[in-house]
PDB file of N, CA and C in Angstrom:
ATOM      1  N   UNK A   1     -79.040 -20.992 217.533  1.00  0.00           N
ATOM      2  CA  UNK A   1     -80.377 -20.641 217.110  1.00  0.00           C
ATOM      3  C   UNK A   1     -80.352 -19.565 216.037  1.00  0.00           C
ATOM      4  N   UNK A   2     -79.433 -18.588 216.217  1.00  0.00           N
ATOM      5  CA  UNK A   2     -79.361 -17.520 215.239  1.00  0.00           C
ATOM      6  C   UNK A   2     -78.862 -18.032 213.893  1.00  0.00           C
ATOM      7  N   UNK A   3     -77.979 -19.046 213.926  1.00  0.00           N
ATOM      8  CA  UNK A   3     -77.477 -19.613 212.673  1.00  0.00           C
ATOM      9  C   UNK A   3     -78.596 -20.301 211.902  1.00  0.00           C
ATOM     10  N   UNK A   4     -79.475 -21.002 212.607  1.00  0.00           N
ATOM     11  CA  UNK A   4     -80.583 -21.690 211.943  1.00  0.00           C
ATOM     12  C   UNK A   4     -81.532 -20.680 211.305  1.00  0.00           C
ATOM     13  N   UNK A   5     -81.777 -19.580 211.977  1.00  0.00           N
ATOM     14  CA  UNK A   5     -82.642 -18.540 211.421  1.00  0.00           C
ATOM     15  C   UNK A   5     -81.987 -17.920 210.190  1.00  0.00           C
ATOM     16  N   UNK A   6     -80.683 -17.657 210.275  1.00  0.00           N
ATOM     17  CA  UNK A   6     -79.961 -17.089 209.134  1.00  0.00           C
ATOM     18  C   UNK A   6     -79.979 -18.044 207.942  1.00  0.00           C
ATOM     19  N   UNK A   7     -79.749 -19.326 208.180  1.00  0.00           N
ATOM     20  CA  UNK A   7     -79.760 -20.311 207.103  1.00  0.00           C
ATOM     21  C   UNK A   7     -81.151 -20.394 206.474  1.00  0.00           C
ATOM     22  N   UNK A   8     -82.195 -20.391 207.298  1.00  0.00           N
ATOM     23  CA  UNK A   8     -83.559 -20.421 206.782  1.00  0.00           C
ATOM     24  C   UNK A   8     -83.880 -19.210 205.931  1.00  0.00           C
ATOM     25  N   UNK A   9     -83.486 -18.027 206.394  1.00  0.00           N
ATOM     26  CA  UNK A   9     -83.725 -16.808 205.615  1.00  0.00           C
ATOM     27  C   UNK A   9     -82.922 -16.806 204.317  1.00  0.00           C
ATOM     28  N   UNK A  10     -81.695 -17.315 204.380  1.00  0.00           N
ATOM     29  CA  UNK A  10     -80.867 -17.392 203.177  1.00  0.00           C
ATOM     30  C   UNK A  10     -81.503 -18.326 202.148  1.00  0.00           C
ATOM     31  N   UNK A  11     -81.971 -19.492 202.595  1.00  0.00           N
ATOM     32  CA  UNK A  11     -82.613 -20.433 201.675  1.00  0.00           C
ATOM     33  C   UNK A  11     -83.900 -19.865 201.088  1.00  0.00           C
ATOM     34  N   UNK A  12     -84.668 -19.151 201.899  1.00  0.00           N
ATOM     35  CA  UNK A  12     -85.878 -18.503 201.374  1.00  0.00           C
ATOM     36  C   UNK A  12     -85.521 -17.464 200.319  1.00  0.00           C
ATOM     37  N   UNK A  13     -84.459 -16.716 200.551  1.00  0.00           N
ATOM     38  CA  UNK A  13     -84.024 -15.738 199.570  1.00  0.00           C
ATOM     39  C   UNK A  13     -83.570 -16.377 198.269  1.00  0.00           C
ATOM     40  N   UNK A  14     -82.838 -17.480 198.378  1.00  0.00           N
ATOM     41  CA  UNK A  14     -82.385 -18.185 197.175  1.00  0.00           C
ATOM     42  C   UNK A  14     -83.579 -18.745 196.415  1.00  0.00           C
ATOM     43  N   UNK A  15     -84.536 -19.333 197.128  1.00  0.00           N
ATOM     44  CA  UNK A  15     -85.721 -19.874 196.469  1.00  0.00           C
ATOM     45  C   UNK A  15     -86.557 -18.774 195.814  1.00  0.00           C
ATOM     46  N   UNK A  16     -86.674 -17.622 196.466  1.00  0.00           N
ATOM     47  CA  UNK A  16     -87.396 -16.501 195.855  1.00  0.00           C
ATOM     48  C   UNK A  16     -86.670 -15.974 194.617  1.00  0.00           C
ATOM     49  N   UNK A  17     -85.352 -15.965 194.656  1.00  0.00           N
ATOM     50  CA  UNK A  17     -84.580 -15.548 193.491  1.00  0.00           C
ATOM     51  C   UNK A  17     -84.808 -16.495 192.320  1.00  0.00           C
ATOM     52  N   UNK A  18     -84.752 -17.809 192.591  1.00  0.00           N
ATOM     53  CA  UNK A  18     -85.016 -18.780 191.536  1.00  0.00           C
ATOM     54  C   UNK A  18     -86.447 -18.665 191.025  1.00  0.00           C
ATOM     55  N   UNK A  19     -87.376 -18.411 191.931  1.00  0.00           N
ATOM     56  CA  UNK A  19     -88.780 -18.272 191.546  1.00  0.00           C
ATOM     57  C   UNK A  19     -88.971 -17.075 190.612  1.00  0.00           C
ATOM     58  N   UNK A  20     -88.247 -15.987 190.880  1.00  0.00           N
ATOM     59  CA  UNK A  20     -88.376 -14.806 190.030  1.00  0.00           C
ATOM     60  C   UNK A  20     -87.800 -15.049 188.635  1.00  0.00           C
ATOM     61  N   UNK A  21     -86.899 -16.018 188.505  1.00  0.00           N
ATOM     62  CA  UNK A  21     -86.334 -16.358 187.202  1.00  0.00           C
ATOM     63  C   UNK A  21     -87.191 -17.370 186.462  1.00  0.00           C
ATOM     64  N   UNK A  22     -88.273 -17.840 187.065  1.00  0.00           N
ATOM     65  CA  UNK A  22     -89.171 -18.765 186.397  1.00  0.00           C
ATOM     66  C   UNK A  22     -88.864 -20.235 186.632  1.00  0.00           C
ATOM     67  N   UNK A  23     -88.020 -20.543 187.593  1.00  0.00           N
ATOM     68  CA  UNK A  23     -87.661 -21.926 187.890  1.00  0.00           C
ATOM     69  C   UNK A  23     -88.633 -22.459 188.940  1.00  0.00           C
ATOM     70  N   UNK A  24     -89.058 -23.707 188.787  1.00  0.00           N
ATOM     71  CA  UNK A  24     -89.993 -24.315 189.725  1.00  0.00           C
ATOM     72  C   UNK A  24     -89.262 -24.661 191.019  1.00  0.00           C
ATOM     73  N   UNK A  25     -89.407 -23.800 192.029  1.00  0.00           N
ATOM     74  CA  UNK A  25     -88.666 -23.984 193.272  1.00  0.00           C
ATOM     75  C   UNK A  25     -89.222 -25.127 194.105  1.00  0.00           C
ATOM     76  N   UNK A  26     -90.514 -25.403 193.991  1.00  0.00           N
ATOM     77  CA  UNK A  26     -91.091 -26.496 194.771  1.00  0.00           C
ATOM     78  C   UNK A  26     -90.483 -27.829 194.354  1.00  0.00           C
ATOM     79  N   UNK A  27     -90.274 -28.005 193.063  1.00  0.00           N
ATOM     80  CA  UNK A  27     -89.673 -29.234 192.561  1.00  0.00           C
ATOM     81  C   UNK A  27     -88.225 -29.373 193.041  1.00  0.00           C
ATOM     82  N   UNK A  28     -87.485 -28.281 193.021  1.00  0.00           N
ATOM     83  CA  UNK A  28     -86.097 -28.298 193.493  1.00  0.00           C
ATOM     84  C   UNK A  28     -86.046 -28.618 194.985  1.00  0.00           C
ATOM     85  N   UNK A  29     -86.899 -27.973 195.773  1.00  0.00           N
ATOM     86  CA  UNK A  29     -86.928 -28.192 197.216  1.00  0.00           C
ATOM     87  C   UNK A  29     -87.341 -29.623 197.549  1.00  0.00           C
ATOM     88  N   UNK A  30     -88.331 -30.142 196.839  1.00  0.00           N
ATOM     89  CA  UNK A  30     -88.781 -31.515 197.073  1.00  0.00           C
ATOM     90  C   UNK A  30     -87.693 -32.516 196.686  1.00  0.00           C
ATOM     91  N   UNK A  31     -87.002 -32.274 195.584  1.00  0.00           N
ATOM     92  CA  UNK A  31     -85.902 -33.137 195.166  1.00  0.00           C
ATOM     93  C   UNK A  31     -84.790 -33.133 196.212  1.00  0.00           C
ATOM     94  N   UNK A  32     -84.478 -31.957 196.757  1.00  0.00           N
ATOM     95  CA  UNK A  32     -83.457 -31.846 197.794  1.00  0.00           C
ATOM     96  C   UNK A  32     -83.858 -32.636 199.039  1.00  0.00           C
ATOM     97  N   UNK A  33     -85.107 -32.509 199.463  1.00  0.00           N
ATOM     98  CA  UNK A  33     -85.556 -33.237 200.649  1.00  0.00           C
ATOM     99  C   UNK A  33     -85.529 -34.751 200.444  1.00  0.00           C
ATOM    100  N   UNK A  34     -85.924 -35.199 199.281  1.00  0.00           N
ATOM    101  CA  UNK A  34     -85.901 -36.640 199.002  1.00  0.00           C
ATOM    102  C   UNK A  34     -84.471 -37.158 198.993  1.00  0.00           C
ATOM    103  N   UNK A  35     -83.557 -36.398 198.386  1.00  0.00           N
ATOM    104  CA  UNK A  35     -82.150 -36.797 198.395  1.00  0.00           C
ATOM    105  C   UNK A  35     -81.599 -36.856 199.811  1.00  0.00           C
ATOM    106  N   UNK A  36     -81.970 -35.878 200.638  1.00  0.00           N
ATOM    107  CA  UNK A  36     -81.499 -35.873 202.032  1.00  0.00           C
ATOM    108  C   UNK A  36     -81.997 -37.108 202.778  1.00  0.00           C
ATOM    109  N   UNK A  37     -83.266 -37.404 202.663  1.00  0.00           N
ATOM    110  CA  UNK A  37     -83.831 -38.544 203.387  1.00  0.00           C
ATOM    111  C   UNK A  37     -83.232 -39.864 202.924  1.00  0.00           C
ATOM    112  N   UNK A  38     -83.143 -40.063 201.619  1.00  0.00           N
ATOM    113  CA  UNK A  38     -82.578 -41.313 201.118  1.00  0.00           C
ATOM    114  C   UNK A  38     -81.098 -41.439 201.459  1.00  0.00           C
ATOM    115  N   UNK A  39     -80.379 -40.348 201.410  1.00  0.00           N
ATOM    116  CA  UNK A  39     -78.961 -40.391 201.760  1.00  0.00           C
ATOM    117  C   UNK A  39     -78.762 -40.698 203.239  1.00  0.00           C
ATOM    118  N   UNK A  40     -79.622 -40.155 204.087  1.00  0.00           N
ATOM    119  CA  UNK A  40     -79.495 -40.458 205.517  1.00  0.00           C
ATOM    120  C   UNK A  40     -79.791 -41.930 205.798  1.00  0.00           C
ATOM    121  N   UNK A  41     -80.727 -42.500 205.055  1.00  0.00           N
ATOM    122  CA  UNK A  41     -81.000 -43.936 205.204  1.00  0.00           C
ATOM    123  C   UNK A  41     -79.790 -44.748 204.763  1.00  0.00           C
ATOM    124  N   UNK A  42     -79.180 -44.361 203.640  1.00  0.00           N
ATOM    125  CA  UNK A  42     -78.003 -45.069 203.143  1.00  0.00           C
ATOM    126  C   UNK A  42     -76.839 -44.934 204.115  1.00  0.00           C
ATOM    127  N   UNK A  43     -76.621 -43.743 204.661  1.00  0.00           N
ATOM    128  CA  UNK A  43     -75.528 -43.534 205.621  1.00  0.00           C
ATOM    129  C   UNK A  43     -75.767 -44.349 206.886  1.00  0.00           C
ATOM    130  N   UNK A  44     -77.002 -44.385 207.354  1.00  0.00           N
ATOM    131  CA  UNK A  44     -77.312 -45.166 208.555  1.00  0.00           C
ATOM    132  C   UNK A  44     -77.049 -46.654 208.333  1.00  0.00           C
ATOM    133  N   UNK A  45     -77.475 -47.170 207.200  1.00  0.00           N
ATOM    134  CA  UNK A  45     -77.228 -48.583 206.904  1.00  0.00           C
ATOM    135  C   UNK A  45     -75.743 -48.869 206.717  1.00  0.00           C
ATOM    136  N   UNK A  46     -75.043 -47.988 206.024  1.00  0.00           N
ATOM    137  CA  UNK A  46     -73.607 -48.180 205.822  1.00  0.00           C
ATOM    138  C   UNK A  46     -72.858 -48.106 207.153  1.00  0.00           C
ATOM    139  N   UNK A  47     -73.265 -47.186 208.024  1.00  0.00           N
ATOM    140  CA  UNK A  47     -72.628 -47.097 209.341  1.00  0.00           C
ATOM    141  C   UNK A  47     -72.882 -48.352 210.167  1.00  0.00           C
ATOM    142  N   UNK A  48     -74.070 -48.908 210.037  1.00  0.00           N
ATOM    143  CA  UNK A  48     -74.396 -50.126 210.770  1.00  0.00           C
ATOM    144  C   UNK A  48     -73.481 -51.279 210.353  1.00  0.00           C
ATOM    145  N   UNK A  49     -73.307 -51.439 209.036  1.00  0.00           N
ATOM    146  CA  UNK A  49     -72.473 -52.539 208.555  1.00  0.00           C
ATOM    147  C   UNK A  49     -70.986 -52.255 208.721  1.00  0.00           C
ATOM    148  N   UNK A  50     -70.566 -51.012 208.533  1.00  0.00           N
ATOM    149  CA  UNK A  50     -69.153 -50.672 208.713  1.00  0.00           C
ATOM    150  C   UNK A  50     -68.737 -50.677 210.174  1.00  0.00           C
ATOM    151  N   UNK A  51     -69.676 -50.490 211.069  1.00  0.00           N
ATOM    152  CA  UNK A  51     -69.359 -50.476 212.487  1.00  0.00           C
ATOM    153  C   UNK A  51     -68.792 -51.788 212.978  1.00  0.00           C
ATOM    154  N   UNK A  52     -69.128 -52.873 212.325  1.00  0.00           N
ATOM    155  CA  UNK A  52     -68.613 -54.179 212.724  1.00  0.00           C
ATOM    156  C   UNK A  52     -67.211 -54.444 212.187  1.00  0.00           C
ATOM    157  N   UNK A  53     -66.910 -53.904 210.998  1.00  0.00           N
ATOM    158  CA  UNK A  53     -65.636 -54.199 210.354  1.00  0.00           C
ATOM    159  C   UNK A  53     -64.608 -53.087 210.522  1.00  0.00           C
ATOM    160  N   UNK A  54     -64.991 -51.857 210.260  1.00  0.00           N
ATOM    161  CA  UNK A  54     -64.086 -50.706 210.349  1.00  0.00           C
ATOM    162  C   UNK A  54     -64.785 -49.550 211.057  1.00  0.00           C
ATOM    163  N   UNK A  55     -64.809 -49.541 212.381  1.00  0.00           N
ATOM    164  CA  UNK A  55     -65.542 -48.476 213.097  1.00  0.00           C
ATOM    165  C   UNK A  55     -64.978 -47.074 212.867  1.00  0.00           C
ATOM    166  N   UNK A  56     -63.728 -46.958 212.426  1.00  0.00           N
ATOM    167  CA  UNK A  56     -63.154 -45.625 212.190  1.00  0.00           C
ATOM    168  C   UNK A  56     -63.700 -44.975 210.915  1.00  0.00           C
ATOM    169  N   UNK A  57     -64.407 -45.744 210.074  1.00  0.00           N
ATOM    170  CA  UNK A  57     -64.963 -45.191 208.840  1.00  0.00           C
ATOM    171  C   UNK A  57     -66.409 -44.726 208.979  1.00  0.00           C
ATOM    172  N   UNK A  58     -66.939 -44.727 210.170  1.00  0.00           N
ATOM    173  CA  UNK A  58     -68.325 -44.295 210.371  1.00  0.00           C
ATOM    174  C   UNK A  58     -68.435 -42.787 210.132  1.00  0.00           C
ATOM    175  N   UNK A  59     -69.413 -42.402 209.316  1.00  0.00           N
ATOM    176  CA  UNK A  59     -69.676 -40.991 209.024  1.00  0.00           C
ATOM    177  C   UNK A  59     -70.794 -40.525 209.947  1.00  0.00           C
ATOM    178  N   UNK A  60     -70.531 -39.470 210.681  1.00  0.00           N
ATOM    179  CA  UNK A  60     -71.544 -38.931 211.582  1.00  0.00           C
ATOM    180  C   UNK A  60     -72.562 -38.112 210.793  1.00  0.00           C
ATOM    181  N   UNK A  61     -73.803 -38.152 211.227  1.00  0.00           N
ATOM    182  CA  UNK A  61     -74.865 -37.402 210.548  1.00  0.00           C
ATOM    183  C   UNK A  61     -75.026 -36.054 211.252  1.00  0.00           C
ATOM    184  N   UNK A  62     -74.744 -34.978 210.506  1.00  0.00           N
ATOM    185  CA  UNK A  62     -74.927 -33.625 211.015  1.00  0.00           C
ATOM    186  C   UNK A  62     -75.361 -32.719 209.866  1.00  0.00           C
ATOM    187  N   UNK A  63     -75.343 -31.419 210.080  1.00  0.00           N
ATOM    188  CA  UNK A  63     -75.843 -30.487 209.073  1.00  0.00           C
ATOM    189  C   UNK A  63     -75.012 -30.517 207.792  1.00  0.00           C
ATOM    190  N   UNK A  64     -73.716 -30.693 207.937  1.00  0.00           N
ATOM    191  CA  UNK A  64     -72.842 -30.690 206.770  1.00  0.00           C
ATOM    192  C   UNK A  64     -73.075 -31.933 205.927  1.00  0.00           C
ATOM    193  N   UNK A  65     -73.190 -33.095 206.562  1.00  0.00           N
ATOM    194  CA  UNK A  65     -73.408 -34.316 205.797  1.00  0.00           C
ATOM    195  C   UNK A  65     -74.788 -34.314 205.141  1.00  0.00           C
ATOM    196  N   UNK A  66     -75.771 -33.749 205.817  1.00  0.00           N
ATOM    197  CA  UNK A  66     -77.107 -33.642 205.215  1.00  0.00           C
ATOM    198  C   UNK A  66     -77.065 -32.712 204.008  1.00  0.00           C
ATOM    199  N   UNK A  67     -76.359 -31.595 204.122  1.00  0.00           N
ATOM    200  CA  UNK A  67     -76.262 -30.662 203.010  1.00  0.00           C
ATOM    201  C   UNK A  67     -75.520 -31.236 201.819  1.00  0.00           C
ATOM    202  N   UNK A  68     -74.384 -31.876 202.067  1.00  0.00           N
ATOM    203  CA  UNK A  68     -73.613 -32.465 200.967  1.00  0.00           C
ATOM    204  C   UNK A  68     -74.390 -33.573 200.291  1.00  0.00           C
ATOM    205  N   UNK A  69     -75.001 -34.447 201.091  1.00  0.00           N
ATOM    206  CA  UNK A  69     -75.754 -35.549 200.481  1.00  0.00           C
ATOM    207  C   UNK A  69     -77.038 -35.049 199.826  1.00  0.00           C
ATOM    208  N   UNK A  70     -77.597 -33.951 200.304  1.00  0.00           N
ATOM    209  CA  UNK A  70     -78.783 -33.389 199.668  1.00  0.00           C
ATOM    210  C   UNK A  70     -78.482 -32.741 198.334  1.00  0.00           C
ATOM    211  N   UNK A  71     -77.324 -32.121 198.232  1.00  0.00           N
ATOM    212  CA  UNK A  71     -76.948 -31.468 196.983  1.00  0.00           C
ATOM    213  C   UNK A  71     -76.455 -32.479 195.955  1.00  0.00           C
ATOM    214  N   UNK A  72     -75.587 -33.396 196.370  1.00  0.00           N
ATOM    215  CA  UNK A  72     -74.952 -34.314 195.428  1.00  0.00           C
ATOM    216  C   UNK A  72     -75.592 -35.690 195.353  1.00  0.00           C
ATOM    217  N   UNK A  73     -76.496 -36.017 196.273  1.00  0.00           N
ATOM    218  CA  UNK A  73     -77.166 -37.319 196.236  1.00  0.00           C
ATOM    219  C   UNK A  73     -76.242 -38.455 196.634  1.00  0.00           C
ATOM    220  N   UNK A  74     -76.330 -39.575 195.921  1.00  0.00           N
ATOM    221  CA  UNK A  74     -75.528 -40.754 196.253  1.00  0.00           C
ATOM    222  C   UNK A  74     -74.043 -40.482 196.059  1.00  0.00           C
ATOM    223  N   UNK A  75     -73.703 -39.619 195.099  1.00  0.00           N
ATOM    224  CA  UNK A  75     -72.300 -39.269 194.911  1.00  0.00           C
ATOM    225  C   UNK A  75     -71.770 -38.487 196.110  1.00  0.00           C
ATOM    226  N   UNK A  76     -72.625 -37.720 196.750  1.00  0.00           N
ATOM    227  CA  UNK A  76     -72.221 -37.020 197.962  1.00  0.00           C
ATOM    228  C   UNK A  76     -71.948 -37.977 199.105  1.00  0.00           C
ATOM    229  N   UNK A  77     -72.749 -39.042 199.196  1.00  0.00           N
ATOM    230  CA  UNK A  77     -72.514 -40.057 200.225  1.00  0.00           C
ATOM    231  C   UNK A  77     -71.180 -40.750 199.971  1.00  0.00           C
ATOM    232  N   UNK A  78     -70.925 -41.093 198.714  1.00  0.00           N
ATOM    233  CA  UNK A  78     -69.637 -41.714 198.372  1.00  0.00           C
ATOM    234  C   UNK A  78     -68.480 -40.758 198.655  1.00  0.00           C
ATOM    235  N   UNK A  79     -68.674 -39.471 198.387  1.00  0.00           N
ATOM    236  CA  UNK A  79     -67.653 -38.474 198.687  1.00  0.00           C
ATOM    237  C   UNK A  79     -67.382 -38.403 200.190  1.00  0.00           C
ATOM    238  N   UNK A  80     -68.429 -38.453 201.001  1.00  0.00           N
ATOM    239  CA  UNK A  80     -68.250 -38.407 202.448  1.00  0.00           C
ATOM    240  C   UNK A  80     -67.441 -39.596 202.948  1.00  0.00           C
ATOM    241  N   UNK A  81     -67.750 -40.785 202.440  1.00  0.00           N
ATOM    242  CA  UNK A  81     -67.001 -41.965 202.856  1.00  0.00           C
ATOM    243  C   UNK A  81     -65.580 -41.957 202.310  1.00  0.00           C
ATOM    244  N   UNK A  82     -65.383 -41.432 201.106  1.00  0.00           N
ATOM    245  CA  UNK A  82     -64.034 -41.345 200.552  1.00  0.00           C
ATOM    246  C   UNK A  82     -63.179 -40.361 201.361  1.00  0.00           C
ATOM    247  N   UNK A  83     -63.764 -39.229 201.743  1.00  0.00           N
ATOM    248  CA  UNK A  83     -63.030 -38.272 202.572  1.00  0.00           C
ATOM    249  C   UNK A  83     -62.734 -38.837 203.955  1.00  0.00           C
ATOM    250  N   UNK A  84     -63.695 -39.565 204.500  1.00  0.00           N
ATOM    251  CA  UNK A  84     -63.471 -40.185 205.814  1.00  0.00           C
ATOM    252  C   UNK A  84     -62.339 -41.206 205.736  1.00  0.00           C
ATOM    253  N   UNK A  85     -62.306 -41.993 204.671  1.00  0.00           N
ATOM    254  CA  UNK A  85     -61.242 -42.973 204.479  1.00  0.00           C
ATOM    255  C   UNK A  85     -59.898 -42.269 204.285  1.00  0.00           C
ATOM    256  N   UNK A  86     -59.883 -41.195 203.504  1.00  0.00           N
ATOM    257  CA  UNK A  86     -58.649 -40.457 203.254  1.00  0.00           C
ATOM    258  C   UNK A  86     -58.083 -39.865 204.547  1.00  0.00           C
ATOM    259  N   UNK A  87     -58.936 -39.290 205.374  1.00  0.00           N
ATOM    260  CA  UNK A  87     -58.449 -38.657 206.598  1.00  0.00           C
ATOM    261  C   UNK A  87     -58.143 -39.654 207.704  1.00  0.00           C
ATOM    262  N   UNK A  88     -58.578 -40.904 207.585  1.00  0.00           N
ATOM    263  CA  UNK A  88     -58.172 -41.892 208.585  1.00  0.00           C
ATOM    264  C   UNK A  88     -56.813 -42.495 208.229  1.00  0.00           C
ATOM    265  N   UNK A  89     -56.418 -42.394 206.949  1.00  0.00           N
ATOM    266  CA  UNK A  89     -55.108 -42.892 206.545  1.00  0.00           C
ATOM    267  C   UNK A  89     -54.019 -41.968 207.045  1.00  0.00           C
ATOM    268  N   UNK A  90     -54.227 -40.656 206.898  1.00  0.00           N
ATOM    269  CA  UNK A  90     -53.178 -39.689 207.254  1.00  0.00           C
ATOM    270  C   UNK A  90     -53.409 -39.114 208.602  1.00  0.00           C
TER     271      UNK A  90
END
């Protein structure tokens, strides 16, 4: 619980810092949320189809995957699957 509060306060501080520099923080925050939602839909669909063929390549949805896919978008999703594939080989 304390980690979630710390993360929320940190994000508010970053958004206030960007706001003081004249950057539209609402647009950045909305873009991040849209990327997170679309990436989670893509991960869910990919996990559904990969579960039948290669169950070891399923990417779990947690805070880290949401953050990576929110920051990098579709490339973040591809990065998650590439890392999952790399770590299942070795």
